[in-house]
Amino acid sequence: STFIFKSVACFTINNCFHSVKTMLSIKPDQHVFGGETVTLRCDIDGEGVTSWQYSWYKDGSVSVFSELQEHTFSPVTESDAGKYSCYGAERGGSQTSNISDAVTLTWLTERDPVTLICEVKGSSTGWTFSWCTVTASSGTILCASCGNI
């Protein structure tokens, strides 16, 4: 899954009104466990601009930690958790985007609660479902039968 957050900046050129959309996405998810790989991507939709210089910010800091369109944490660590935003400026030009809405990257531990949802779309009569867990250290599979649909 991908989480996308959109923001719009506006500016005036030759008395024409334009908007520059800034979209920040996280793959695969904004909630992560240690050791996973997470990629933040900043997309800017500015008419006619083909080259952007990106600036990434964490937790409202004024210092830029990356200038690439994508930033990957591999593996993600607890210190990577925080609120991220991005901004763009046209390379060799005057156009800029606004700072995107902040997106929170959340570090999960094994004790954090997780909600699981099981859905069967279409014809769902006669299905039986079970929830199973695998113990990482032993590879043991434990299942609980939950009923019929």
C-alpha atoms as a PDB file:
ATOM      1  CA  SER A   1       0.000   0.000   0.000  1.00  0.00           C
ATOM      2  CA  THR A   2       1.031   3.599  -0.498  1.00  0.00           C
ATOM      3  CA  PHE A   3       0.022   6.580   1.584  1.00  0.00           C
ATOM      4  CA  ILE A   4      -0.212   9.841  -0.386  1.00  0.00           C
ATOM      5  CA  PHE A   5      -0.522  13.306   1.083  1.00  0.00           C
ATOM      6  CA  LYS A   6      -1.202  16.287  -1.205  1.00  0.00           C
ATOM      7  CA  SER A   7      -0.499  19.960  -0.790  1.00  0.00           C
ATOM      8  CA  VAL A   8      -0.896  22.891  -3.181  1.00  0.00           C
ATOM      9  CA  ALA A   9       1.212  26.035  -3.574  1.00  0.00           C
ATOM     10  CA  CYS A  10       0.029  28.983  -5.642  1.00  0.00           C
ATOM     11  CA  PHE A  11       1.930  31.700  -7.456  1.00  0.00           C
ATOM     12  CA  THR A  12       1.323  34.334 -10.137  1.00  0.00           C
ATOM     13  CA  ILE A  13       3.152  34.617 -13.486  1.00  0.00           C
ATOM     14  CA  ASN A  14       2.143  37.281 -16.039  1.00  0.00           C
ATOM     15  CA  ASN A  15      -1.194  37.784 -14.244  1.00  0.00           C
ATOM     16  CA  CYS A  16      -2.100  34.087 -14.676  1.00  0.00           C
ATOM     17  CA  PHE A  17      -2.864  31.969 -11.633  1.00  0.00           C
ATOM     18  CA  HIS A  18      -1.016  28.630 -11.372  1.00  0.00           C
ATOM     19  CA  SER A  19      -0.883  25.938  -8.706  1.00  0.00           C
ATOM     20  CA  VAL A  20       1.991  23.607  -7.869  1.00  0.00           C
ATOM     21  CA  LYS A  21       0.893  20.367  -6.216  1.00  0.00           C
ATOM     22  CA  THR A  22       3.263  18.641  -3.822  1.00  0.00           C
ATOM     23  CA  MET A  23       2.530  14.975  -3.087  1.00  0.00           C
ATOM     24  CA  LEU A  24       4.400  13.018  -0.433  1.00  0.00           C
ATOM     25  CA  SER A  25       4.049   9.230  -0.448  1.00  0.00           C
ATOM     26  CA  ILE A  26       5.395   6.431   1.756  1.00  0.00           C
ATOM     27  CA  LYS A  27       5.896   2.837   0.574  1.00  0.00           C
ATOM     28  CA  PRO A  28       5.006   0.292   1.744  1.00  0.00           C
ATOM     29  CA  ASP A  29       3.421   1.842   4.865  1.00  0.00           C
ATOM     30  CA  GLN A  30       3.851   4.696   7.335  1.00  0.00           C
ATOM     31  CA  HIS A  31       3.796   2.215  10.272  1.00  0.00           C
ATOM     32  CA  VAL A  32       7.015   0.163  10.297  1.00  0.00           C
ATOM     33  CA  PHE A  33       8.907  -2.417  12.308  1.00  0.00           C
ATOM     34  CA  GLY A  34      12.670  -2.313  12.706  1.00  0.00           C
ATOM     35  CA  GLY A  35      14.621  -3.845   9.845  1.00  0.00           C
ATOM     36  CA  GLU A  36      12.028  -3.030   7.171  1.00  0.00           C
ATOM     37  CA  THR A  37      12.732  -0.842   4.140  1.00  0.00           C
ATOM     38  CA  VAL A  38      10.670   2.340   3.750  1.00  0.00           C
ATOM     39  CA  THR A  39      10.790   4.837   0.876  1.00  0.00           C
ATOM     40  CA  LEU A  40       9.557   8.432   1.015  1.00  0.00           C
ATOM     41  CA  ARG A  41       8.846  10.069  -2.361  1.00  0.00           C
ATOM     42  CA  CYS A  42       8.150  13.715  -3.179  1.00  0.00           C
ATOM     43  CA  ASP A  43       6.238  14.391  -6.421  1.00  0.00           C
ATOM     44  CA  ILE A  44       5.691  17.944  -7.601  1.00  0.00           C
ATOM     45  CA  ASP A  45       3.244  18.746 -10.388  1.00  0.00           C
ATOM     46  CA  GLY A  46       4.437  22.078 -11.767  1.00  0.00           C
ATOM     47  CA  GLU A  47       3.449  22.883 -15.330  1.00  0.00           C
ATOM     48  CA  GLY A  48       6.449  22.976 -17.642  1.00  0.00           C
ATOM     49  CA  VAL A  49       9.038  22.249 -14.952  1.00  0.00           C
ATOM     50  CA  THR A  50      11.138  19.186 -15.716  1.00  0.00           C
ATOM     51  CA  SER A  51      13.866  19.471 -13.091  1.00  0.00           C
ATOM     52  CA  TRP A  52      13.273  20.040  -9.383  1.00  0.00           C
ATOM     53  CA  GLN A  53      15.702  20.350  -6.513  1.00  0.00           C
ATOM     54  CA  TYR A  54      14.093  18.627  -3.528  1.00  0.00           C
ATOM     55  CA  SER A  55      14.451  19.449   0.138  1.00  0.00           C
ATOM     56  CA  TRP A  56      13.382  17.042   2.891  1.00  0.00           C
ATOM     57  CA  TYR A  57      12.686  18.052   6.475  1.00  0.00           C
ATOM     58  CA  LYS A  58      12.119  16.020   9.633  1.00  0.00           C
ATOM     59  CA  ASP A  59      10.171  17.094  12.729  1.00  0.00           C
ATOM     60  CA  GLY A  60       9.922  20.740  11.626  1.00  0.00           C
ATOM     61  CA  SER A  61      13.696  21.194  11.493  1.00  0.00           C
ATOM     62  CA  VAL A  62      15.062  23.900   9.189  1.00  0.00           C
ATOM     63  CA  SER A  63      18.006  21.709   8.165  1.00  0.00           C
ATOM     64  CA  VAL A  64      17.614  19.640   4.993  1.00  0.00           C
ATOM     65  CA  PHE A  65      18.522  15.947   5.391  1.00  0.00           C
ATOM     66  CA  SER A  66      18.179  14.945   1.709  1.00  0.00           C
ATOM     67  CA  GLU A  67      17.912  16.627  -1.716  1.00  0.00           C
ATOM     68  CA  LEU A  68      16.790  13.607  -3.752  1.00  0.00           C
ATOM     69  CA  GLN A  69      13.242  12.957  -4.989  1.00  0.00           C
ATOM     70  CA  GLU A  70      13.181   9.694  -3.030  1.00  0.00           C
ATOM     71  CA  HIS A  71      14.698   8.883   0.331  1.00  0.00           C
ATOM     72  CA  THR A  72      14.959   5.247   1.437  1.00  0.00           C
ATOM     73  CA  PHE A  73      15.559   3.993   4.956  1.00  0.00           C
ATOM     74  CA  SER A  74      17.061   0.498   4.707  1.00  0.00           C
ATOM     75  CA  PRO A  75      16.849  -0.811   7.296  1.00  0.00           C
ATOM     76  CA  VAL A  76      14.586   1.629   9.108  1.00  0.00           C
ATOM     77  CA  THR A  77      15.599   2.316  12.714  1.00  0.00           C
ATOM     78  CA  GLU A  78      13.757   3.790  15.684  1.00  0.00           C
ATOM     79  CA  SER A  79      15.536   7.133  15.181  1.00  0.00           C
ATOM     80  CA  ASP A  80      13.977   7.394  11.683  1.00  0.00           C
ATOM     81  CA  ALA A  81      10.493   7.753  13.204  1.00  0.00           C
ATOM     82  CA  GLY A  82       9.112  11.281  12.963  1.00  0.00           C
ATOM     83  CA  LYS A  83       7.184  13.794  10.868  1.00  0.00           C
ATOM     84  CA  TYR A  84       8.490  14.335   7.345  1.00  0.00           C
ATOM     85  CA  SER A  85       7.753  16.963   4.713  1.00  0.00           C
ATOM     86  CA  CYS A  86       9.260  17.920   1.362  1.00  0.00           C
ATOM     87  CA  TYR A  87       9.593  21.027  -0.792  1.00  0.00           C
ATOM     88  CA  GLY A  88      10.804  21.711  -4.319  1.00  0.00           C
ATOM     89  CA  ALA A  89      12.526  24.507  -6.205  1.00  0.00           C
ATOM     90  CA  GLU A  90      12.940  24.597  -9.974  1.00  0.00           C
ATOM     91  CA  ARG A  91      16.573  24.010 -10.977  1.00  0.00           C
ATOM     92  CA  GLY A  92      17.793  27.132 -12.767  1.00  0.00           C
ATOM     93  CA  GLY A  93      14.375  28.779 -12.495  1.00  0.00           C
ATOM     94  CA  SER A  94      12.153  30.711 -10.139  1.00  0.00           C
ATOM     95  CA  GLN A  95       9.260  28.335  -9.546  1.00  0.00           C
ATOM     96  CA  THR A  96       8.857  26.765  -6.101  1.00  0.00           C
ATOM     97  CA  SER A  97       6.374  24.451  -4.474  1.00  0.00           C
ATOM     98  CA  ASN A  98       4.967  24.776  -1.014  1.00  0.00           C
ATOM     99  CA  ILE A  99       6.096  22.480   1.768  1.00  0.00           C
ATOM    100  CA  SER A 100       4.016  19.289   1.692  1.00  0.00           C
ATOM    101  CA  ASP A 101       1.738  18.271   4.506  1.00  0.00           C
ATOM    102  CA  ALA A 102       3.716  16.478   7.203  1.00  0.00           C
ATOM    103  CA  VAL A 103       3.568  12.676   7.187  1.00  0.00           C
ATOM    104  CA  THR A 104       4.346  10.681  10.314  1.00  0.00           C
ATOM    105  CA  LEU A 105       6.578   7.621  10.065  1.00  0.00           C
ATOM    106  CA  THR A 106       5.715   5.487  13.097  1.00  0.00           C
ATOM    107  CA  TRP A 107       8.039   2.921  14.671  1.00  0.00           C
ATOM    108  CA  LEU A 108       6.198  -0.185  15.894  1.00  0.00           C
ATOM    109  CA  THR A 109       7.374  -2.680  18.465  1.00  0.00           C
ATOM    110  CA  GLU A 110       6.138  -6.232  18.940  1.00  0.00           C
ATOM    111  CA  ARG A 111       4.005  -5.038  21.855  1.00  0.00           C
ATOM    112  CA  ASP A 112       2.078  -2.453  19.844  1.00  0.00           C
ATOM    113  CA  PRO A 113      -1.511  -3.442  19.024  1.00  0.00           C
ATOM    114  CA  VAL A 114      -2.301  -4.222  15.389  1.00  0.00           C
ATOM    115  CA  THR A 115      -5.801  -4.493  13.904  1.00  0.00           C
ATOM    116  CA  LEU A 116      -6.329  -7.270  11.366  1.00  0.00           C
ATOM    117  CA  ILE A 117      -9.320  -7.337   9.015  1.00  0.00           C
ATOM    118  CA  CYS A 118     -10.342 -10.304   6.878  1.00  0.00           C
ATOM    119  CA  GLU A 119     -12.715  -9.725   3.951  1.00  0.00           C
ATOM    120  CA  VAL A 120     -14.032 -11.978   1.217  1.00  0.00           C
ATOM    121  CA  LYS A 121     -15.489 -10.052  -1.710  1.00  0.00           C
ATOM    122  CA  GLY A 122     -18.095 -11.465  -4.038  1.00  0.00           C
ATOM    123  CA  SER A 123     -19.650 -14.791  -3.110  1.00  0.00           C
ATOM    124  CA  SER A 124     -18.630 -15.365   0.499  1.00  0.00           C
ATOM    125  CA  THR A 125     -21.017 -18.136   1.610  1.00  0.00           C
ATOM    126  CA  GLY A 126     -19.480 -21.230   3.143  1.00  0.00           C
ATOM    127  CA  TRP A 127     -16.029 -19.835   3.907  1.00  0.00           C
ATOM    128  CA  THR A 128     -14.280 -20.644   7.187  1.00  0.00           C
ATOM    129  CA  PHE A 129     -11.570 -18.331   8.418  1.00  0.00           C
ATOM    130  CA  SER A 130      -8.733 -18.600  10.924  1.00  0.00           C
ATOM    131  CA  TRP A 131      -6.127 -16.210  12.295  1.00  0.00           C
ATOM    132  CA  CYS A 132      -2.609 -17.626  12.458  1.00  0.00           C
ATOM    133  CA  THR A 133       0.665 -16.421  13.928  1.00  0.00           C
ATOM    134  CA  VAL A 134       4.171 -17.698  13.301  1.00  0.00           C
ATOM    135  CA  THR A 135       6.725 -17.652  16.094  1.00  0.00           C
ATOM    136  CA  ALA A 136       9.877 -16.256  14.510  1.00  0.00           C
ATOM    137  CA  SER A 137      12.356 -18.113  16.718  1.00  0.00           C
ATOM    138  CA  SER A 138      10.849 -21.606  16.331  1.00  0.00           C
ATOM    139  CA  GLY A 139       8.762 -21.339  13.167  1.00  0.00           C
ATOM    140  CA  THR A 140       5.761 -22.685  15.115  1.00  0.00           C
ATOM    141  CA  ILE A 141       2.377 -21.857  13.564  1.00  0.00           C
ATOM    142  CA  LEU A 142      -0.537 -21.233  15.943  1.00  0.00           C
ATOM    143  CA  CYS A 143      -4.029 -20.821  14.451  1.00  0.00           C
ATOM    144  CA  ALA A 144      -7.370 -19.939  15.980  1.00  0.00           C
ATOM    145  CA  SER A 145     -10.521 -20.807  14.082  1.00  0.00           C
ATOM    146  CA  CYS A 146     -12.855 -17.816  14.194  1.00  0.00           C
ATOM    147  CA  GLY A 147     -16.002 -19.079  12.523  1.00  0.00           C
ATOM    148  CA  ASN A 148     -17.901 -19.160   9.288  1.00  0.00           C
ATOM    149  CA  ILE A 149     -18.924 -16.429   6.900  1.00  0.00           C
END
